PDB file of N, CA and C in Angstrom:
ATOM      1  N   MET A   1      39.497  -2.778  -4.274  1.00  0.00           N
ATOM      2  CA  MET A   1      39.048  -1.385  -4.140  1.00  0.00           C
ATOM      3  C   MET A   1      37.238  -2.009  -3.709  1.00  0.00           C
ATOM      4  N   THR A   2      36.559  -1.859  -2.759  1.00  0.00           N
ATOM      5  CA  THR A   2      35.794  -2.199  -2.559  1.00  0.00           C
ATOM      6  C   THR A   2      34.136  -0.978  -2.881  1.00  0.00           C
ATOM      7  N   ASP A   3      33.622  -1.470  -3.411  1.00  0.00           N
ATOM      8  CA  ASP A   3      32.369  -0.765  -4.018  1.00  0.00           C
ATOM      9  C   ASP A   3      31.550  -0.320  -2.902  1.00  0.00           C
ATOM     10  N   HIS A   4      31.133   0.868  -2.307  1.00  0.00           N
ATOM     11  CA  HIS A   4      30.237   0.799  -1.025  1.00  0.00           C
ATOM     12  C   HIS A   4      29.087   1.511  -1.723  1.00  0.00           C
ATOM     13  N   SER A   5      28.832   1.521  -2.725  1.00  0.00           N
ATOM     14  CA  SER A   5      27.269   2.089  -3.185  1.00  0.00           C
ATOM     15  C   SER A   5      26.249   1.301  -2.967  1.00  0.00           C
ATOM     16  N   HIS A   6      25.437   1.647  -2.807  1.00  0.00           N
ATOM     17  CA  HIS A   6      23.812   1.105  -2.615  1.00  0.00           C
ATOM     18  C   HIS A   6      23.091   1.407  -3.325  1.00  0.00           C
ATOM     19  N   ALA A   7      22.174  -0.046  -4.075  1.00  0.00           N
ATOM     20  CA  ALA A   7      21.049   0.516  -4.916  1.00  0.00           C
ATOM     21  C   ALA A   7      19.955   1.286  -4.017  1.00  0.00           C
ATOM     22  N   VAL A   8      19.496   2.682  -4.546  1.00  0.00           N
ATOM     23  CA  VAL A   8      18.388   3.101  -3.915  1.00  0.00           C
ATOM     24  C   VAL A   8      16.890   2.811  -3.985  1.00  0.00           C
ATOM     25  N   ALA A   9      16.267   2.147  -3.459  1.00  0.00           N
ATOM     26  CA  ALA A   9      14.893   1.783  -4.218  1.00  0.00           C
ATOM     27  C   ALA A   9      13.911   3.262  -4.353  1.00  0.00           C
ATOM     28  N   SER A  10      13.394   2.953  -5.277  1.00  0.00           N
ATOM     29  CA  SER A  10      12.329   3.974  -5.916  1.00  0.00           C
ATOM     30  C   SER A  10      10.970   4.124  -4.988  1.00  0.00           C
ATOM     31  N   ASP A  11      10.470   5.146  -4.790  1.00  0.00           N
ATOM     32  CA  ASP A  11       9.445   5.444  -3.913  1.00  0.00           C
ATOM     33  C   ASP A  11       8.562   4.331  -4.449  1.00  0.00           C
ATOM     34  N   GLU A  12       8.127   4.245  -5.925  1.00  0.00           N
ATOM     35  CA  GLU A  12       7.362   2.998  -6.107  1.00  0.00           C
ATOM     36  C   GLU A  12       7.513   1.692  -5.644  1.00  0.00           C
ATOM     37  N   GLU A  13       8.818   1.224  -5.487  1.00  0.00           N
ATOM     38  CA  GLU A  13       9.486  -0.049  -4.930  1.00  0.00           C
ATOM     39  C   GLU A  13       8.990   0.067  -3.713  1.00  0.00           C
ATOM     40  N   LYS A  14       9.276   1.045  -3.061  1.00  0.00           N
ATOM     41  CA  LYS A  14       8.932   1.254  -1.177  1.00  0.00           C
ATOM     42  C   LYS A  14       7.434   1.230  -1.154  1.00  0.00           C
ATOM     43  N   MET A  15       6.878   1.696  -1.750  1.00  0.00           N
ATOM     44  CA  MET A  15       5.420   1.265  -1.815  1.00  0.00           C
ATOM     45  C   MET A  15       4.994   0.018  -1.820  1.00  0.00           C
ATOM     46  N   THR A  16       5.465  -0.373  -3.003  1.00  0.00           N
ATOM     47  CA  THR A  16       5.036  -1.656  -3.033  1.00  0.00           C
ATOM     48  C   THR A  16       5.213  -2.608  -1.882  1.00  0.00           C
ATOM     49  N   ALA A  17       6.385  -2.732  -1.710  1.00  0.00           N
ATOM     50  CA  ALA A  17       7.156  -3.339  -0.360  1.00  0.00           C
ATOM     51  C   ALA A  17       6.177  -3.186   0.922  1.00  0.00           C
ATOM     52  N   LEU A  18       6.013  -1.769   1.193  1.00  0.00           N
ATOM     53  CA  LEU A  18       4.874  -1.431   2.127  1.00  0.00           C
ATOM     54  C   LEU A  18       3.471  -2.187   2.181  1.00  0.00           C
ATOM     55  N   LEU A  19       3.038  -2.129   0.917  1.00  0.00           N
ATOM     56  CA  LEU A  19       1.763  -2.855   0.502  1.00  0.00           C
ATOM     57  C   LEU A  19       1.601  -4.140   0.626  1.00  0.00           C
ATOM     58  N   GLU A  20       2.855  -4.836   0.073  1.00  0.00           N
ATOM     59  CA  GLU A  20       2.962  -6.129   0.500  1.00  0.00           C
ATOM     60  C   GLU A  20       3.096  -6.920   1.839  1.00  0.00           C
ATOM     61  N   ARG A  21       3.554  -5.898   2.539  1.00  0.00           N
ATOM     62  CA  ARG A  21       3.351  -6.167   4.293  1.00  0.00           C
ATOM     63  C   ARG A  21       2.236  -6.070   4.811  1.00  0.00           C
ATOM     64  N   VAL A  22       1.697  -4.741   4.565  1.00  0.00           N
ATOM     65  CA  VAL A  22       0.026  -4.719   4.958  1.00  0.00           C
ATOM     66  C   VAL A  22      -0.863  -5.703   4.595  1.00  0.00           C
ATOM     67  N   SER A  23      -0.561  -6.233   3.333  1.00  0.00           N
ATOM     68  CA  SER A  23      -1.537  -7.332   2.548  1.00  0.00           C
ATOM     69  C   SER A  23      -1.306  -8.438   3.443  1.00  0.00           C
ATOM     70  N   ALA A  24      -0.091  -8.965   4.059  1.00  0.00           N
ATOM     71  CA  ALA A  24       0.160 -10.023   4.459  1.00  0.00           C
ATOM     72  C   ALA A  24      -0.776 -10.051   5.606  1.00  0.00           C
ATOM     73  N   TYR A  25      -0.729  -8.901   6.441  1.00  0.00           N
ATOM     74  CA  TYR A  25      -1.393  -9.074   7.440  1.00  0.00           C
ATOM     75  C   TYR A  25      -3.293  -8.991   7.336  1.00  0.00           C
ATOM     76  N   ILE A  26      -3.285  -8.354   6.165  1.00  0.00           N
ATOM     77  CA  ILE A  26      -5.045  -8.456   5.711  1.00  0.00           C
ATOM     78  C   ILE A  26      -5.495  -9.985   5.375  1.00  0.00           C
ATOM     79  N   GLU A  27      -4.480 -10.654   4.651  1.00  0.00           N
ATOM     80  CA  GLU A  27      -4.654 -11.647   4.127  1.00  0.00           C
ATOM     81  C   GLU A  27      -4.470 -12.894   5.566  1.00  0.00           C
ATOM     82  N   GLN A  28      -3.634 -12.779   6.493  1.00  0.00           N
ATOM     83  CA  GLN A  28      -3.411 -14.010   7.255  1.00  0.00           C
ATOM     84  C   GLN A  28      -4.987 -13.765   8.294  1.00  0.00           C
ATOM     85  N   PHE A  29      -5.180 -12.538   8.673  1.00  0.00           N
ATOM     86  CA  PHE A  29      -6.389 -12.474   9.659  1.00  0.00           C
ATOM     87  C   PHE A  29      -7.529 -11.957   9.170  1.00  0.00           C
ATOM     88  N   HIS A  30      -8.114 -11.551   7.996  1.00  0.00           N
ATOM     89  CA  HIS A  30      -9.393 -11.219   7.440  1.00  0.00           C
ATOM     90  C   HIS A  30      -9.674 -11.665   6.423  1.00  0.00           C
ATOM     91  N   GLY A  31      -8.301 -12.522   5.416  1.00  0.00           N
ATOM     92  CA  GLY A  31      -8.606 -12.998   4.289  1.00  0.00           C
ATOM     93  C   GLY A  31      -8.922 -12.253   2.757  1.00  0.00           C
ATOM     94  N   GLY A  32      -8.540 -11.025   2.963  1.00  0.00           N
ATOM     95  CA  GLY A  32      -8.580  -9.895   2.035  1.00  0.00           C
ATOM     96  C   GLY A  32      -7.235  -9.610   1.585  1.00  0.00           C
ATOM     97  N   TYR A  33      -7.140  -8.655   0.608  1.00  0.00           N
ATOM     98  CA  TYR A  33      -5.774  -8.516  -0.124  1.00  0.00           C
ATOM     99  C   TYR A  33      -5.780  -6.741  -0.393  1.00  0.00           C
ATOM    100  N   VAL A  34      -4.662  -5.920  -0.332  1.00  0.00           N
ATOM    101  CA  VAL A  34      -4.369  -5.110  -1.226  1.00  0.00           C
ATOM    102  C   VAL A  34      -3.260  -4.956  -1.963  1.00  0.00           C
ATOM    103  N   GLN A  35      -3.222  -4.459  -3.433  1.00  0.00           N
ATOM    104  CA  GLN A  35      -2.054  -4.721  -4.209  1.00  0.00           C
ATOM    105  C   GLN A  35      -1.982  -3.211  -4.773  1.00  0.00           C
ATOM    106  N   PHE A  36      -0.499  -3.071  -5.129  1.00  0.00           N
ATOM    107  CA  PHE A  36       0.061  -1.644  -5.153  1.00  0.00           C
ATOM    108  C   PHE A  36      -0.562  -1.793  -6.874  1.00  0.00           C
ATOM    109  N   VAL A  37      -1.183  -0.659  -7.233  1.00  0.00           N
ATOM    110  CA  VAL A  37      -1.129  -0.261  -8.593  1.00  0.00           C
ATOM    111  C   VAL A  37      -0.380   0.871  -9.472  1.00  0.00           C
ATOM    112  N   SER A  38      -0.529   1.765  -8.448  1.00  0.00           N
ATOM    113  CA  SER A  38       0.142   3.050  -9.264  1.00  0.00           C
ATOM    114  C   SER A  38       0.488   4.177  -8.119  1.00  0.00           C
ATOM    115  N   PHE A  39       1.641   4.781  -8.434  1.00  0.00           N
ATOM    116  CA  PHE A  39       1.894   6.000  -7.456  1.00  0.00           C
ATOM    117  C   PHE A  39       2.354   7.053  -8.375  1.00  0.00           C
ATOM    118  N   GLU A  40       1.393   8.426  -8.781  1.00  0.00           N
ATOM    119  CA  GLU A  40       1.610   9.096  -9.869  1.00  0.00           C
ATOM    120  C   GLU A  40       0.670  10.587  -9.243  1.00  0.00           C
ATOM    121  N   ASP A  41       1.893  11.633  -9.372  1.00  0.00           N
ATOM    122  CA  ASP A  41       1.218  12.970  -8.680  1.00  0.00           C
ATOM    123  C   ASP A  41       0.843  12.945  -7.142  1.00  0.00           C
ATOM    124  N   ASN A  42       1.303  12.200  -6.513  1.00  0.00           N
ATOM    125  CA  ASN A  42       1.038  12.062  -5.128  1.00  0.00           C
ATOM    126  C   ASN A  42      -0.283  11.178  -4.403  1.00  0.00           C
ATOM    127  N   ILE A  43      -0.547  10.486  -5.649  1.00  0.00           N
ATOM    128  CA  ILE A  43      -1.982   9.749  -5.675  1.00  0.00           C
ATOM    129  C   ILE A  43      -1.622   8.227  -5.710  1.00  0.00           C
ATOM    130  N   VAL A  44      -2.083   7.484  -4.870  1.00  0.00           N
ATOM    131  CA  VAL A  44      -1.610   5.785  -4.615  1.00  0.00           C
ATOM    132  C   VAL A  44      -2.989   5.137  -5.100  1.00  0.00           C
ATOM    133  N   LYS A  45      -3.173   4.167  -5.980  1.00  0.00           N
ATOM    134  CA  LYS A  45      -3.878   3.480  -6.432  1.00  0.00           C
ATOM    135  C   LYS A  45      -3.605   2.163  -5.889  1.00  0.00           C
ATOM    136  N   VAL A  46      -4.853   1.530  -5.657  1.00  0.00           N
ATOM    137  CA  VAL A  46      -4.551   0.077  -4.764  1.00  0.00           C
ATOM    138  C   VAL A  46      -5.637  -0.502  -5.527  1.00  0.00           C
ATOM    139  N   LYS A  47      -5.558  -1.746  -5.368  1.00  0.00           N
ATOM    140  CA  LYS A  47      -6.591  -2.714  -5.657  1.00  0.00           C
ATOM    141  C   LYS A  47      -6.928  -3.722  -4.389  1.00  0.00           C
ATOM    142  N   MET A  48      -8.135  -3.824  -4.100  1.00  0.00           N
ATOM    143  CA  MET A  48      -8.402  -4.143  -2.934  1.00  0.00           C
ATOM    144  C   MET A  48      -9.325  -5.714  -3.034  1.00  0.00           C
ATOM    145  N   GLY A  49      -9.208  -6.975  -2.811  1.00  0.00           N
ATOM    146  CA  GLY A  49      -9.841  -7.939  -3.075  1.00  0.00           C
ATOM    147  C   GLY A  49     -10.114  -9.018  -2.239  1.00  0.00           C
ATOM    148  N   GLY A  50     -10.004 -10.413  -2.309  1.00  0.00           N
ATOM    149  CA  GLY A  50     -10.597 -11.381  -1.510  1.00  0.00           C
ATOM    150  C   GLY A  50     -11.724 -11.191  -0.396  1.00  0.00           C
ATOM    151  N   ALA A  51     -11.418 -11.201   0.774  1.00  0.00           N
ATOM    152  CA  ALA A  51     -12.597 -10.883   1.585  1.00  0.00           C
ATOM    153  C   ALA A  51     -13.098  -9.581   1.445  1.00  0.00           C
ATOM    154  N   CYS A  52     -11.974  -8.570   0.936  1.00  0.00           N
ATOM    155  CA  CYS A  52     -12.422  -7.317   0.874  1.00  0.00           C
ATOM    156  C   CYS A  52     -13.380  -6.791   0.040  1.00  0.00           C
ATOM    157  N   ASP A  53     -13.513  -7.613  -1.015  1.00  0.00           N
ATOM    158  CA  ASP A  53     -14.490  -7.316  -2.111  1.00  0.00           C
ATOM    159  C   ASP A  53     -15.584  -7.449  -1.719  1.00  0.00           C
ATOM    160  N   GLY A  54     -16.317  -6.459  -1.904  1.00  0.00           N
ATOM    161  CA  GLY A  54     -17.830  -6.406  -1.413  1.00  0.00           C
ATOM    162  C   GLY A  54     -17.845  -6.116  -0.147  1.00  0.00           C
ATOM    163  N   CYS A  55     -17.080  -5.921   1.227  1.00  0.00           N
ATOM    164  CA  CYS A  55     -17.309  -6.125   2.242  1.00  0.00           C
ATOM    165  C   CYS A  55     -17.436  -4.702   2.839  1.00  0.00           C
ATOM    166  N   SER A  56     -18.516  -4.449   3.574  1.00  0.00           N
ATOM    167  CA  SER A  56     -18.784  -3.315   4.216  1.00  0.00           C
ATOM    168  C   SER A  56     -17.844  -2.079   4.429  1.00  0.00           C
ATOM    169  N   LEU A  57     -17.118  -2.976   4.918  1.00  0.00           N
ATOM    170  CA  LEU A  57     -16.091  -2.341   5.802  1.00  0.00           C
ATOM    171  C   LEU A  57     -14.450  -1.729   5.202  1.00  0.00           C
ATOM    172  N   THR A  58     -14.937  -2.299   3.626  1.00  0.00           N
ATOM    173  CA  THR A  58     -13.584  -1.966   2.710  1.00  0.00           C
ATOM    174  C   THR A  58     -13.143  -0.405   2.874  1.00  0.00           C
ATOM    175  N   GLU A  59     -14.196   0.552   2.600  1.00  0.00           N
ATOM    176  CA  GLU A  59     -13.572   1.741   2.797  1.00  0.00           C
ATOM    177  C   GLU A  59     -12.880   2.006   3.822  1.00  0.00           C
ATOM    178  N   THR A  60     -13.524   1.844   5.157  1.00  0.00           N
ATOM    179  CA  THR A  60     -12.668   2.222   6.348  1.00  0.00           C
ATOM    180  C   THR A  60     -11.626   1.387   6.252  1.00  0.00           C
ATOM    181  N   THR A  61     -11.368   0.270   5.963  1.00  0.00           N
ATOM    182  CA  THR A  61      -9.966  -0.669   5.746  1.00  0.00           C
ATOM    183  C   THR A  61      -9.156   0.414   5.020  1.00  0.00           C
ATOM    184  N   LEU A  62      -9.406   1.046   3.986  1.00  0.00           N
ATOM    185  CA  LEU A  62      -8.749   1.727   3.132  1.00  0.00           C
ATOM    186  C   LEU A  62      -8.404   3.028   3.421  1.00  0.00           C
ATOM    187  N   GLN A  63      -9.490   4.047   3.827  1.00  0.00           N
ATOM    188  CA  GLN A  63      -9.151   5.187   4.569  1.00  0.00           C
ATOM    189  C   GLN A  63      -8.423   5.233   5.843  1.00  0.00           C
ATOM    190  N   GLY A  64      -8.534   4.367   6.701  1.00  0.00           N
ATOM    191  CA  GLY A  64      -8.102   4.158   8.065  1.00  0.00           C
ATOM    192  C   GLY A  64      -6.802   3.709   8.342  1.00  0.00           C
ATOM    193  N   TRP A  65      -6.837   2.173   7.482  1.00  0.00           N
ATOM    194  CA  TRP A  65      -5.350   1.435   8.049  1.00  0.00           C
ATOM    195  C   TRP A  65      -4.639   1.228   6.932  1.00  0.00           C
ATOM    196  N   ILE A  66      -4.868   1.209   5.863  1.00  0.00           N
ATOM    197  CA  ILE A  66      -3.676   1.469   4.742  1.00  0.00           C
ATOM    198  C   ILE A  66      -3.580   2.407   4.457  1.00  0.00           C
ATOM    199  N   ALA A  67      -4.523   3.830   4.469  1.00  0.00           N
ATOM    200  CA  ALA A  67      -4.077   5.073   4.238  1.00  0.00           C
ATOM    201  C   ALA A  67      -3.094   5.443   5.686  1.00  0.00           C
ATOM    202  N   GLY A  68      -3.388   5.613   6.368  1.00  0.00           N
ATOM    203  CA  GLY A  68      -2.641   5.502   7.598  1.00  0.00           C
ATOM    204  C   GLY A  68      -1.229   5.501   7.675  1.00  0.00           C
ATOM    205  N   THR A  69      -1.121   3.982   7.199  1.00  0.00           N
ATOM    206  CA  THR A  69       0.038   3.327   7.114  1.00  0.00           C
ATOM    207  C   THR A  69       1.178   4.084   5.941  1.00  0.00           C
ATOM    208  N   ILE A  70       0.377   4.185   4.984  1.00  0.00           N
ATOM    209  CA  ILE A  70       0.911   4.929   3.720  1.00  0.00           C
ATOM    210  C   ILE A  70       1.515   6.322   4.202  1.00  0.00           C
ATOM    211  N   ARG A  71       0.541   7.082   4.702  1.00  0.00           N
ATOM    212  CA  ARG A  71       0.982   8.811   5.339  1.00  0.00           C
ATOM    213  C   ARG A  71       2.296   8.467   6.494  1.00  0.00           C
ATOM    214  N   GLN A  72       2.056   7.600   6.999  1.00  0.00           N
ATOM    215  CA  GLN A  72       3.373   7.641   8.103  1.00  0.00           C
ATOM    216  C   GLN A  72       4.881   7.357   7.560  1.00  0.00           C
ATOM    217  N   PHE A  73       4.795   6.670   6.125  1.00  0.00           N
ATOM    218  CA  PHE A  73       5.884   6.511   5.343  1.00  0.00           C
ATOM    219  C   PHE A  73       6.125   7.364   4.372  1.00  0.00           C
ATOM    220  N   PHE A  74       5.080   8.109   3.801  1.00  0.00           N
ATOM    221  CA  PHE A  74       4.802   8.839   2.774  1.00  0.00           C
ATOM    222  C   PHE A  74       4.229  10.130   2.870  1.00  0.00           C
ATOM    223  N   PRO A  75       4.532  10.864   3.951  1.00  0.00           N
ATOM    224  CA  PRO A  75       3.793  11.902   4.431  1.00  0.00           C
ATOM    225  C   PRO A  75       2.964  12.886   2.920  1.00  0.00           C
ATOM    226  N   ASP A  76       3.745  12.953   1.943  1.00  0.00           N
ATOM    227  CA  ASP A  76       3.250  13.914   0.615  1.00  0.00           C
ATOM    228  C   ASP A  76       2.029  13.466   0.113  1.00  0.00           C
ATOM    229  N   VAL A  77       1.984  11.952   0.381  1.00  0.00           N
ATOM    230  CA  VAL A  77       0.723  11.385  -0.412  1.00  0.00           C
ATOM    231  C   VAL A  77      -0.458  12.196  -0.126  1.00  0.00           C
ATOM    232  N   GLU A  78      -1.338  12.702  -1.431  1.00  0.00           N
ATOM    233  CA  GLU A  78      -2.808  13.059  -1.127  1.00  0.00           C
ATOM    234  C   GLU A  78      -3.710  12.741  -0.762  1.00  0.00           C
ATOM    235  N   GLU A  79      -4.043  11.615  -1.815  1.00  0.00           N
ATOM    236  CA  GLU A  79      -5.169  10.419  -1.823  1.00  0.00           C
ATOM    237  C   GLU A  79      -4.849   9.085  -2.090  1.00  0.00           C
ATOM    238  N   ILE A  80      -5.301   8.130  -1.441  1.00  0.00           N
ATOM    239  CA  ILE A  80      -5.251   6.924  -1.577  1.00  0.00           C
ATOM    240  C   ILE A  80      -6.896   6.287  -2.136  1.00  0.00           C
ATOM    241  N   ILE A  81      -6.595   5.706  -3.398  1.00  0.00           N
ATOM    242  CA  ILE A  81      -7.935   5.121  -3.858  1.00  0.00           C
ATOM    243  C   ILE A  81      -7.893   3.786  -4.157  1.00  0.00           C
ATOM    244  N   ALA A  82      -9.134   3.014  -4.304  1.00  0.00           N
ATOM    245  CA  ALA A  82      -9.303   1.565  -4.707  1.00  0.00           C
ATOM    246  C   ALA A  82      -9.589   1.772  -6.264  1.00  0.00           C
ATOM    247  N   VAL A  83      -9.323   1.161  -7.186  1.00  0.00           N
ATOM    248  CA  VAL A  83      -9.570   1.128  -8.261  1.00  0.00           C
ATOM    249  C   VAL A  83      -9.816  -0.492  -8.809  1.00  0.00           C
TER     250      VAL A  83
END
């Protein structure tokens, strides 16, 4: 008998995978990165570094690009903050 059950990834695992893809692009084209920290109570916390550290456009990248991407896949997320 074949077992057709599939492991279902948690929201945290899905969020981590999504942010790894976004980070790969940021690293390749901009020299910065974003890392998943936590996802609780519809709030996502991330760490930004590399070229993003001290960059005047970090908040724009966070609230525009990163938050926009997260909300496409997790529409219930209320806030995305860098820690």
